[in-house]
């Protein structure tokens, strides 16, 4: 039986051209999660480059048009193929659509340099000690969610909040900050047993949470489509629970700027920062 991650198994359809289909497991409010669309772009660029020693280092994606579930096409162009670093661009769109997601990325091999990490993983409870997104509302709490969970949260990513206020608790003004443990259902695994970079991209594209934490439920019904997503890959985490620490730094003019630090708690020398992402989102109201 297949999984949602099978959507990343692209079909070659000519020089730099690929096809696949995005299944309904990725659905959020109205369209599939943007992270999987970005992951499809990254996989297509990786396939076109075909240099295993050069791995994804950075990617910036612009959401120029909605990418709906179902058949999609990917067009890749190699901008430069270098000995130690290469640059490519890819566009993911539905057949016949004028626009979709366009990404530009750099792939590179290991280089001589320096090592340090200025961020620190927050001290939070272990996921085993926390209530998850898939758990029912606690007994005695008078609260109902607005409909069933979206398929993405029910079938692709399991989440357990570690920093932040549950929606049934009274609003208290505080920082636009959350931290969530995430674990992928049937995650994509590399031959060496580590998590494929596609999994990290998908987990990082979960950034509206800190905005909701700052505003509270009295802000009304709003959705935050992505304008862009920039993703930096630092390492390949082990499969299992990852901690996404997310902060919204500014909101204004109908947009919000958010960042995410992705941690593998089981690094060789302690918690390891495996990815960092930023995103500009816009507000859409129902």
C-alpha atoms as a PDB file:
ATOM      1  CA  UNK A   1       0.000   0.000   0.000  1.00  0.00           C
ATOM      2  CA  UNK A   2       1.364   3.411  -0.934  1.00  0.00           C
ATOM      3  CA  UNK A   3       1.761   6.507   1.216  1.00  0.00           C
ATOM      4  CA  UNK A   4       1.385  10.239   0.686  1.00  0.00           C
ATOM      5  CA  UNK A   5       5.131  10.430   0.111  1.00  0.00           C
ATOM      6  CA  UNK A   6       4.773   8.399  -3.078  1.00  0.00           C
ATOM      7  CA  UNK A   7       3.742  11.695  -4.682  1.00  0.00           C
ATOM      8  CA  UNK A   8       7.452  12.604  -4.706  1.00  0.00           C
ATOM      9  CA  UNK A   9       8.244   9.652  -6.974  1.00  0.00           C
ATOM     10  CA  UNK A  10       8.308  11.677 -10.173  1.00  0.00           C
ATOM     11  CA  UNK A  11       7.785  10.411 -13.697  1.00  0.00           C
ATOM     12  CA  UNK A  12      10.358  11.650 -16.206  1.00  0.00           C
ATOM     13  CA  UNK A  13       8.563  13.117 -19.239  1.00  0.00           C
ATOM     14  CA  UNK A  14      11.372  14.620 -21.294  1.00  0.00           C
ATOM     15  CA  UNK A  15      14.451  16.737 -20.708  1.00  0.00           C
ATOM     16  CA  UNK A  16      13.899  18.610 -17.438  1.00  0.00           C
ATOM     17  CA  UNK A  17      10.194  17.774 -17.373  1.00  0.00           C
ATOM     18  CA  UNK A  18       8.452  15.601 -14.773  1.00  0.00           C
ATOM     19  CA  UNK A  19       4.919  14.693 -13.792  1.00  0.00           C
ATOM     20  CA  UNK A  20       3.226  13.382 -10.666  1.00  0.00           C
ATOM     21  CA  UNK A  21      -0.061  13.769  -8.782  1.00  0.00           C
ATOM     22  CA  UNK A  22      -0.668  15.285  -5.359  1.00  0.00           C
ATOM     23  CA  UNK A  23      -3.033  13.109  -3.341  1.00  0.00           C
ATOM     24  CA  UNK A  24      -5.782  14.335  -1.022  1.00  0.00           C
ATOM     25  CA  UNK A  25      -3.704  13.393   2.046  1.00  0.00           C
ATOM     26  CA  UNK A  26      -1.908  16.744   1.672  1.00  0.00           C
ATOM     27  CA  UNK A  27      -5.072  18.881   1.751  1.00  0.00           C
ATOM     28  CA  UNK A  28      -5.306  21.828   4.125  1.00  0.00           C
ATOM     29  CA  UNK A  29      -7.995  24.532   3.954  1.00  0.00           C
ATOM     30  CA  UNK A  30      -8.404  24.775   0.169  1.00  0.00           C
ATOM     31  CA  UNK A  31      -5.231  23.419  -1.474  1.00  0.00           C
ATOM     32  CA  UNK A  32      -2.440  20.952  -0.655  1.00  0.00           C
ATOM     33  CA  UNK A  33       0.183  22.009   1.874  1.00  0.00           C
ATOM     34  CA  UNK A  34       2.756  24.255   0.216  1.00  0.00           C
ATOM     35  CA  UNK A  35       5.632  22.300   1.728  1.00  0.00           C
ATOM     36  CA  UNK A  36       4.921  19.238  -0.380  1.00  0.00           C
ATOM     37  CA  UNK A  37       4.793  21.386  -3.531  1.00  0.00           C
ATOM     38  CA  UNK A  38       8.202  22.825  -2.596  1.00  0.00           C
ATOM     39  CA  UNK A  39       9.465  19.309  -1.850  1.00  0.00           C
ATOM     40  CA  UNK A  40       8.347  18.158  -5.309  1.00  0.00           C
ATOM     41  CA  UNK A  41      10.325  21.037  -6.826  1.00  0.00           C
ATOM     42  CA  UNK A  42      13.388  20.075  -4.779  1.00  0.00           C
ATOM     43  CA  UNK A  43      13.104  16.413  -5.809  1.00  0.00           C
ATOM     44  CA  UNK A  44      12.798  17.352  -9.490  1.00  0.00           C
ATOM     45  CA  UNK A  45      15.895  19.571  -9.297  1.00  0.00           C
ATOM     46  CA  UNK A  46      17.800  16.816  -7.526  1.00  0.00           C
ATOM     47  CA  UNK A  47      16.808  14.345 -10.262  1.00  0.00           C
ATOM     48  CA  UNK A  48      17.817  16.742 -13.042  1.00  0.00           C
ATOM     49  CA  UNK A  49      21.183  17.540 -11.453  1.00  0.00           C
ATOM     50  CA  UNK A  50      21.961  13.868 -10.747  1.00  0.00           C
ATOM     51  CA  UNK A  51      25.084  14.597  -8.673  1.00  0.00           C
ATOM     52  CA  UNK A  52      24.606  12.703  -5.389  1.00  0.00           C
ATOM     53  CA  UNK A  53      27.526  14.377  -3.631  1.00  0.00           C
ATOM     54  CA  UNK A  54      25.850  17.760  -4.116  1.00  0.00           C
ATOM     55  CA  UNK A  55      22.887  18.015  -1.733  1.00  0.00           C
ATOM     56  CA  UNK A  56      20.289  20.737  -1.290  1.00  0.00           C
ATOM     57  CA  UNK A  57      21.753  23.669   0.645  1.00  0.00           C
ATOM     58  CA  UNK A  58      19.194  26.433   0.110  1.00  0.00           C
ATOM     59  CA  UNK A  59      15.939  26.917  -1.750  1.00  0.00           C
ATOM     60  CA  UNK A  60      13.591  29.875  -2.102  1.00  0.00           C
ATOM     61  CA  UNK A  61      10.128  29.247  -3.474  1.00  0.00           C
ATOM     62  CA  UNK A  62       7.603  31.824  -4.635  1.00  0.00           C
ATOM     63  CA  UNK A  63       3.931  30.856  -4.644  1.00  0.00           C
ATOM     64  CA  UNK A  64       2.849  32.693  -7.799  1.00  0.00           C
ATOM     65  CA  UNK A  65      -0.312  30.648  -8.267  1.00  0.00           C
ATOM     66  CA  UNK A  66      -2.274  27.995  -6.410  1.00  0.00           C
ATOM     67  CA  UNK A  67      -1.257  24.392  -7.051  1.00  0.00           C
ATOM     68  CA  UNK A  68      -4.330  22.206  -6.657  1.00  0.00           C
ATOM     69  CA  UNK A  69      -4.391  18.537  -5.808  1.00  0.00           C
ATOM     70  CA  UNK A  70      -4.281  16.047  -8.645  1.00  0.00           C
ATOM     71  CA  UNK A  71      -1.935  15.992 -11.660  1.00  0.00           C
ATOM     72  CA  UNK A  72       0.997  18.411 -11.644  1.00  0.00           C
ATOM     73  CA  UNK A  73       3.889  19.087 -13.981  1.00  0.00           C
ATOM     74  CA  UNK A  74       7.422  20.192 -13.082  1.00  0.00           C
ATOM     75  CA  UNK A  75       9.759  22.061 -15.402  1.00  0.00           C
ATOM     76  CA  UNK A  76      13.427  22.239 -14.347  1.00  0.00           C
ATOM     77  CA  UNK A  77      16.245  24.352 -15.732  1.00  0.00           C
ATOM     78  CA  UNK A  78      19.879  23.897 -14.718  1.00  0.00           C
ATOM     79  CA  UNK A  79      21.269  27.416 -14.381  1.00  0.00           C
ATOM     80  CA  UNK A  80      24.824  26.267 -13.694  1.00  0.00           C
ATOM     81  CA  UNK A  81      26.376  22.855 -13.122  1.00  0.00           C
ATOM     82  CA  UNK A  82      29.580  23.335 -11.123  1.00  0.00           C
ATOM     83  CA  UNK A  83      32.200  20.994  -9.712  1.00  0.00           C
ATOM     84  CA  UNK A  84      31.272  21.740  -6.077  1.00  0.00           C
ATOM     85  CA  UNK A  85      28.039  23.762  -6.338  1.00  0.00           C
ATOM     86  CA  UNK A  86      25.176  23.937  -8.840  1.00  0.00           C
ATOM     87  CA  UNK A  87      22.127  26.161  -9.196  1.00  0.00           C
ATOM     88  CA  UNK A  88      18.746  25.200 -10.644  1.00  0.00           C
ATOM     89  CA  UNK A  89      15.207  26.494 -10.906  1.00  0.00           C
ATOM     90  CA  UNK A  90      11.929  24.570 -11.047  1.00  0.00           C
ATOM     91  CA  UNK A  91       8.264  25.414 -11.534  1.00  0.00           C
ATOM     92  CA  UNK A  92       5.465  23.151 -10.273  1.00  0.00           C
ATOM     93  CA  UNK A  93       2.038  23.789 -11.799  1.00  0.00           C
ATOM     94  CA  UNK A  94      -1.176  22.049 -12.702  1.00  0.00           C
ATOM     95  CA  UNK A  95      -1.489  21.122 -16.397  1.00  0.00           C
ATOM     96  CA  UNK A  96      -2.420  24.192 -18.397  1.00  0.00           C
ATOM     97  CA  UNK A  97      -1.970  26.610 -15.476  1.00  0.00           C
ATOM     98  CA  UNK A  98      -0.078  29.825 -16.197  1.00  0.00           C
ATOM     99  CA  UNK A  99       1.685  29.872 -12.804  1.00  0.00           C
ATOM    100  CA  UNK A 100       2.325  27.765  -9.723  1.00  0.00           C
ATOM    101  CA  UNK A 101       5.299  27.453  -7.390  1.00  0.00           C
ATOM    102  CA  UNK A 102       8.652  28.576  -8.780  1.00  0.00           C
ATOM    103  CA  UNK A 103      11.778  27.709  -6.808  1.00  0.00           C
ATOM    104  CA  UNK A 104      15.454  28.493  -7.173  1.00  0.00           C
ATOM    105  CA  UNK A 105      17.961  26.353  -5.320  1.00  0.00           C
ATOM    106  CA  UNK A 106      21.639  25.725  -4.753  1.00  0.00           C
ATOM    107  CA  UNK A 107      23.069  22.224  -4.345  1.00  0.00           C
ATOM    108  CA  UNK A 108      26.580  21.815  -3.007  1.00  0.00           C
ATOM    109  CA  UNK A 109      29.076  19.314  -1.668  1.00  0.00           C
ATOM    110  CA  UNK A 110      30.960  19.503   1.653  1.00  0.00           C
ATOM    111  CA  UNK A 111      33.542  22.274   1.860  1.00  0.00           C
ATOM    112  CA  UNK A 112      36.305  23.407   4.186  1.00  0.00           C
ATOM    113  CA  UNK A 113      34.977  25.970   6.679  1.00  0.00           C
ATOM    114  CA  UNK A 114      33.955  26.670  10.275  1.00  0.00           C
ATOM    115  CA  UNK A 115      31.313  25.218  12.569  1.00  0.00           C
ATOM    116  CA  UNK A 116      29.094  26.913  15.149  1.00  0.00           C
ATOM    117  CA  UNK A 117      25.399  27.234  16.011  1.00  0.00           C
ATOM    118  CA  UNK A 118      24.111  30.425  17.623  1.00  0.00           C
ATOM    119  CA  UNK A 119      20.577  29.171  18.233  1.00  0.00           C
ATOM    120  CA  UNK A 120      19.671  26.961  21.209  1.00  0.00           C
ATOM    121  CA  UNK A 121      16.938  24.365  21.240  1.00  0.00           C
ATOM    122  CA  UNK A 122      14.322  25.416  23.830  1.00  0.00           C
ATOM    123  CA  UNK A 123      13.957  23.322  26.959  1.00  0.00           C
ATOM    124  CA  UNK A 124      10.533  21.705  26.514  1.00  0.00           C
ATOM    125  CA  UNK A 125       8.776  18.546  27.740  1.00  0.00           C
ATOM    126  CA  UNK A 126       9.325  15.332  25.804  1.00  0.00           C
ATOM    127  CA  UNK A 127       6.653  14.537  23.190  1.00  0.00           C
ATOM    128  CA  UNK A 128       5.572  11.463  25.147  1.00  0.00           C
ATOM    129  CA  UNK A 129       4.424  13.778  27.959  1.00  0.00           C
ATOM    130  CA  UNK A 130       2.295  16.065  25.789  1.00  0.00           C
ATOM    131  CA  UNK A 131      -1.204  16.053  24.302  1.00  0.00           C
ATOM    132  CA  UNK A 132      -1.190  15.772  20.514  1.00  0.00           C
ATOM    133  CA  UNK A 133      -3.170  17.397  17.710  1.00  0.00           C
ATOM    134  CA  UNK A 134      -4.900  14.071  17.122  1.00  0.00           C
ATOM    135  CA  UNK A 135      -6.019  13.661  20.748  1.00  0.00           C
ATOM    136  CA  UNK A 136      -9.567  14.608  21.803  1.00  0.00           C
ATOM    137  CA  UNK A 137     -10.265  17.759  23.786  1.00  0.00           C
ATOM    138  CA  UNK A 138      -9.691  17.134  27.520  1.00  0.00           C
ATOM    139  CA  UNK A 139     -12.671  15.939  29.560  1.00  0.00           C
ATOM    140  CA  UNK A 140     -14.669  18.746  31.084  1.00  0.00           C
ATOM    141  CA  UNK A 141     -13.527  21.346  28.539  1.00  0.00           C
ATOM    142  CA  UNK A 142     -16.373  23.156  26.756  1.00  0.00           C
ATOM    143  CA  UNK A 143     -14.743  23.601  23.345  1.00  0.00           C
ATOM    144  CA  UNK A 144     -15.292  22.311  19.825  1.00  0.00           C
ATOM    145  CA  UNK A 145     -13.016  22.642  16.815  1.00  0.00           C
ATOM    146  CA  UNK A 146     -14.390  24.098  13.595  1.00  0.00           C
ATOM    147  CA  UNK A 147     -14.854  20.797  11.779  1.00  0.00           C
ATOM    148  CA  UNK A 148     -12.680  17.674  11.524  1.00  0.00           C
ATOM    149  CA  UNK A 149      -8.885  17.920  11.228  1.00  0.00           C
ATOM    150  CA  UNK A 150      -7.511  18.524   7.756  1.00  0.00           C
ATOM    151  CA  UNK A 151      -6.102  15.379   6.090  1.00  0.00           C
ATOM    152  CA  UNK A 152      -2.541  16.741   6.311  1.00  0.00           C
ATOM    153  CA  UNK A 153      -2.656  16.676  10.120  1.00  0.00           C
ATOM    154  CA  UNK A 154      -4.581  13.414  10.310  1.00  0.00           C
ATOM    155  CA  UNK A 155      -2.542  11.354   7.818  1.00  0.00           C
ATOM    156  CA  UNK A 156       0.845  12.983   7.141  1.00  0.00           C
ATOM    157  CA  UNK A 157       2.174  14.830  10.196  1.00  0.00           C
ATOM    158  CA  UNK A 158       1.519  14.163  13.875  1.00  0.00           C
ATOM    159  CA  UNK A 159       2.057  17.182  16.113  1.00  0.00           C
ATOM    160  CA  UNK A 160       2.353  17.798  19.851  1.00  0.00           C
ATOM    161  CA  UNK A 161       2.534  21.419  21.102  1.00  0.00           C
ATOM    162  CA  UNK A 162       5.424  22.102  23.490  1.00  0.00           C
ATOM    163  CA  UNK A 163       5.287  25.933  23.703  1.00  0.00           C
ATOM    164  CA  UNK A 164       2.035  27.793  23.236  1.00  0.00           C
ATOM    165  CA  UNK A 165      -1.483  28.102  24.604  1.00  0.00           C
ATOM    166  CA  UNK A 166      -4.159  25.525  23.668  1.00  0.00           C
ATOM    167  CA  UNK A 167      -7.139  27.128  21.889  1.00  0.00           C
ATOM    168  CA  UNK A 168      -9.524  26.291  24.741  1.00  0.00           C
ATOM    169  CA  UNK A 169      -7.503  28.263  27.318  1.00  0.00           C
ATOM    170  CA  UNK A 170      -8.238  31.984  27.939  1.00  0.00           C
ATOM    171  CA  UNK A 171      -6.203  34.386  25.813  1.00  0.00           C
ATOM    172  CA  UNK A 172      -3.174  35.992  27.432  1.00  0.00           C
ATOM    173  CA  UNK A 173      -1.010  38.474  25.588  1.00  0.00           C
ATOM    174  CA  UNK A 174       2.476  37.136  25.005  1.00  0.00           C
ATOM    175  CA  UNK A 175       5.133  36.504  22.380  1.00  0.00           C
ATOM    176  CA  UNK A 176       4.297  35.312  18.869  1.00  0.00           C
ATOM    177  CA  UNK A 177       6.092  32.027  19.518  1.00  0.00           C
ATOM    178  CA  UNK A 178       5.300  28.328  19.453  1.00  0.00           C
ATOM    179  CA  UNK A 179       7.257  25.091  19.497  1.00  0.00           C
ATOM    180  CA  UNK A 180       5.794  21.822  18.266  1.00  0.00           C
ATOM    181  CA  UNK A 181       7.076  18.303  18.184  1.00  0.00           C
ATOM    182  CA  UNK A 182       6.409  16.788  14.760  1.00  0.00           C
ATOM    183  CA  UNK A 183       6.626  13.193  13.576  1.00  0.00           C
ATOM    184  CA  UNK A 184       5.950  12.110  10.000  1.00  0.00           C
ATOM    185  CA  UNK A 185       3.704   9.176   9.164  1.00  0.00           C
ATOM    186  CA  UNK A 186       5.617   6.777   6.882  1.00  0.00           C
ATOM    187  CA  UNK A 187       8.507   9.269   6.446  1.00  0.00           C
ATOM    188  CA  UNK A 188      10.705   9.350   3.331  1.00  0.00           C
ATOM    189  CA  UNK A 189      14.007   7.710   4.279  1.00  0.00           C
ATOM    190  CA  UNK A 190      17.363   7.958   2.502  1.00  0.00           C
ATOM    191  CA  UNK A 191      19.448   4.827   1.834  1.00  0.00           C
ATOM    192  CA  UNK A 192      21.601   5.678   4.876  1.00  0.00           C
ATOM    193  CA  UNK A 193      18.554   5.610   7.180  1.00  0.00           C
ATOM    194  CA  UNK A 194      18.312   9.384   7.646  1.00  0.00           C
ATOM    195  CA  UNK A 195      15.255  11.492   6.855  1.00  0.00           C
ATOM    196  CA  UNK A 196      15.075  12.716   3.276  1.00  0.00           C
ATOM    197  CA  UNK A 197      15.272  16.500   2.951  1.00  0.00           C
ATOM    198  CA  UNK A 198      11.696  16.509   1.617  1.00  0.00           C
ATOM    199  CA  UNK A 199      10.486  15.629   5.113  1.00  0.00           C
ATOM    200  CA  UNK A 200      12.278  18.594   6.650  1.00  0.00           C
ATOM    201  CA  UNK A 201      10.848  20.958   4.004  1.00  0.00           C
ATOM    202  CA  UNK A 202       7.313  19.782   4.757  1.00  0.00           C
ATOM    203  CA  UNK A 203       7.764  20.134   8.523  1.00  0.00           C
ATOM    204  CA  UNK A 204       9.203  23.640   8.214  1.00  0.00           C
ATOM    205  CA  UNK A 205       6.231  24.865   6.179  1.00  0.00           C
ATOM    206  CA  UNK A 206       3.941  24.933   9.244  1.00  0.00           C
ATOM    207  CA  UNK A 207       4.468  28.537  10.316  1.00  0.00           C
ATOM    208  CA  UNK A 208       1.091  30.264  10.912  1.00  0.00           C
ATOM    209  CA  UNK A 209       1.067  28.940  14.514  1.00  0.00           C
ATOM    210  CA  UNK A 210       2.975  31.792  16.183  1.00  0.00           C
ATOM    211  CA  UNK A 211       0.692  34.350  14.506  1.00  0.00           C
ATOM    212  CA  UNK A 212      -2.361  32.579  15.892  1.00  0.00           C
ATOM    213  CA  UNK A 213      -0.706  32.443  19.296  1.00  0.00           C
ATOM    214  CA  UNK A 214      -0.216  36.214  19.287  1.00  0.00           C
ATOM    215  CA  UNK A 215      -3.735  37.053  18.077  1.00  0.00           C
ATOM    216  CA  UNK A 216      -5.933  34.494  19.833  1.00  0.00           C
ATOM    217  CA  UNK A 217      -9.241  33.067  18.619  1.00  0.00           C
ATOM    218  CA  UNK A 218     -11.065  36.415  18.872  1.00  0.00           C
ATOM    219  CA  UNK A 219      -9.179  37.577  15.756  1.00  0.00           C
ATOM    220  CA  UNK A 220     -11.799  35.821  13.638  1.00  0.00           C
ATOM    221  CA  UNK A 221     -11.537  33.311  10.823  1.00  0.00           C
ATOM    222  CA  UNK A 222      -8.383  33.857   8.807  1.00  0.00           C
ATOM    223  CA  UNK A 223      -6.045  31.803   6.687  1.00  0.00           C
ATOM    224  CA  UNK A 224      -2.394  32.566   5.893  1.00  0.00           C
ATOM    225  CA  UNK A 225      -1.385  31.502   2.361  1.00  0.00           C
ATOM    226  CA  UNK A 226       2.349  31.530   1.680  1.00  0.00           C
ATOM    227  CA  UNK A 227       3.933  34.258  -0.411  1.00  0.00           C
ATOM    228  CA  UNK A 228       7.374  32.639  -0.238  1.00  0.00           C
ATOM    229  CA  UNK A 229       9.330  29.943   1.595  1.00  0.00           C
ATOM    230  CA  UNK A 230      13.095  30.002   2.058  1.00  0.00           C
ATOM    231  CA  UNK A 231      14.666  26.801   3.384  1.00  0.00           C
ATOM    232  CA  UNK A 232      18.253  26.181   4.510  1.00  0.00           C
ATOM    233  CA  UNK A 233      19.362  22.565   4.984  1.00  0.00           C
ATOM    234  CA  UNK A 234      22.077  21.970   7.597  1.00  0.00           C
ATOM    235  CA  UNK A 235      21.945  18.217   8.187  1.00  0.00           C
ATOM    236  CA  UNK A 236      19.924  15.041   7.730  1.00  0.00           C
ATOM    237  CA  UNK A 237      17.960  14.223  10.893  1.00  0.00           C
ATOM    238  CA  UNK A 238      17.082  10.796  12.163  1.00  0.00           C
ATOM    239  CA  UNK A 239      13.493   9.641  11.647  1.00  0.00           C
ATOM    240  CA  UNK A 240      11.275  10.301  14.644  1.00  0.00           C
ATOM    241  CA  UNK A 241      10.276  13.357  16.623  1.00  0.00           C
ATOM    242  CA  UNK A 242      11.647  16.726  15.480  1.00  0.00           C
ATOM    243  CA  UNK A 243      11.098  20.047  17.258  1.00  0.00           C
ATOM    244  CA  UNK A 244      10.055  23.079  15.185  1.00  0.00           C
ATOM    245  CA  UNK A 245      10.595  26.333  17.114  1.00  0.00           C
ATOM    246  CA  UNK A 246       8.722  29.110  15.321  1.00  0.00           C
ATOM    247  CA  UNK A 247       8.498  32.875  15.859  1.00  0.00           C
ATOM    248  CA  UNK A 248       6.588  35.606  14.021  1.00  0.00           C
ATOM    249  CA  UNK A 249       8.800  38.685  13.926  1.00  0.00           C
ATOM    250  CA  UNK A 250       6.476  41.237  12.291  1.00  0.00           C
ATOM    251  CA  UNK A 251       2.952  41.655  10.959  1.00  0.00           C
ATOM    252  CA  UNK A 252       1.687  44.644   8.993  1.00  0.00           C
ATOM    253  CA  UNK A 253      -0.026  45.727   5.770  1.00  0.00           C
ATOM    254  CA  UNK A 254      -1.794  42.365   5.619  1.00  0.00           C
ATOM    255  CA  UNK A 255       1.393  40.257   5.765  1.00  0.00           C
ATOM    256  CA  UNK A 256       3.392  38.462   8.456  1.00  0.00           C
ATOM    257  CA  UNK A 257       7.034  37.376   8.568  1.00  0.00           C
ATOM    258  CA  UNK A 258       7.803  34.117  10.378  1.00  0.00           C
ATOM    259  CA  UNK A 259      10.870  31.959  11.026  1.00  0.00           C
ATOM    260  CA  UNK A 260      11.334  28.301  11.992  1.00  0.00           C
ATOM    261  CA  UNK A 261      14.303  26.451  13.493  1.00  0.00           C
ATOM    262  CA  UNK A 262      14.105  22.666  13.110  1.00  0.00           C
ATOM    263  CA  UNK A 263      15.883  20.542  15.718  1.00  0.00           C
ATOM    264  CA  UNK A 264      16.812  16.860  15.858  1.00  0.00           C
ATOM    265  CA  UNK A 265      16.957  16.091  19.604  1.00  0.00           C
ATOM    266  CA  UNK A 266      18.990  12.926  18.985  1.00  0.00           C
ATOM    267  CA  UNK A 267      22.077  14.462  17.391  1.00  0.00           C
ATOM    268  CA  UNK A 268      25.475  12.860  17.926  1.00  0.00           C
ATOM    269  CA  UNK A 269      26.553  15.618  20.329  1.00  0.00           C
ATOM    270  CA  UNK A 270      23.156  16.671  21.652  1.00  0.00           C
ATOM    271  CA  UNK A 271      20.337  18.554  19.920  1.00  0.00           C
ATOM    272  CA  UNK A 272      21.266  19.370  16.330  1.00  0.00           C
ATOM    273  CA  UNK A 273      19.921  22.262  14.243  1.00  0.00           C
ATOM    274  CA  UNK A 274      19.066  20.527  10.964  1.00  0.00           C
ATOM    275  CA  UNK A 275      17.188  23.257   9.080  1.00  0.00           C
ATOM    276  CA  UNK A 276      16.145  26.886   9.244  1.00  0.00           C
ATOM    277  CA  UNK A 277      13.335  28.496   7.271  1.00  0.00           C
ATOM    278  CA  UNK A 278      11.639  31.849   6.822  1.00  0.00           C
ATOM    279  CA  UNK A 279       8.340  32.720   5.256  1.00  0.00           C
ATOM    280  CA  UNK A 280       6.217  35.697   4.291  1.00  0.00           C
ATOM    281  CA  UNK A 281       2.508  34.963   4.476  1.00  0.00           C
ATOM    282  CA  UNK A 282      -0.548  37.055   3.682  1.00  0.00           C
ATOM    283  CA  UNK A 283      -3.827  37.213   5.544  1.00  0.00           C
ATOM    284  CA  UNK A 284      -7.018  35.982   3.887  1.00  0.00           C
ATOM    285  CA  UNK A 285     -10.357  36.313   5.722  1.00  0.00           C
ATOM    286  CA  UNK A 286     -13.517  34.270   5.347  1.00  0.00           C
END
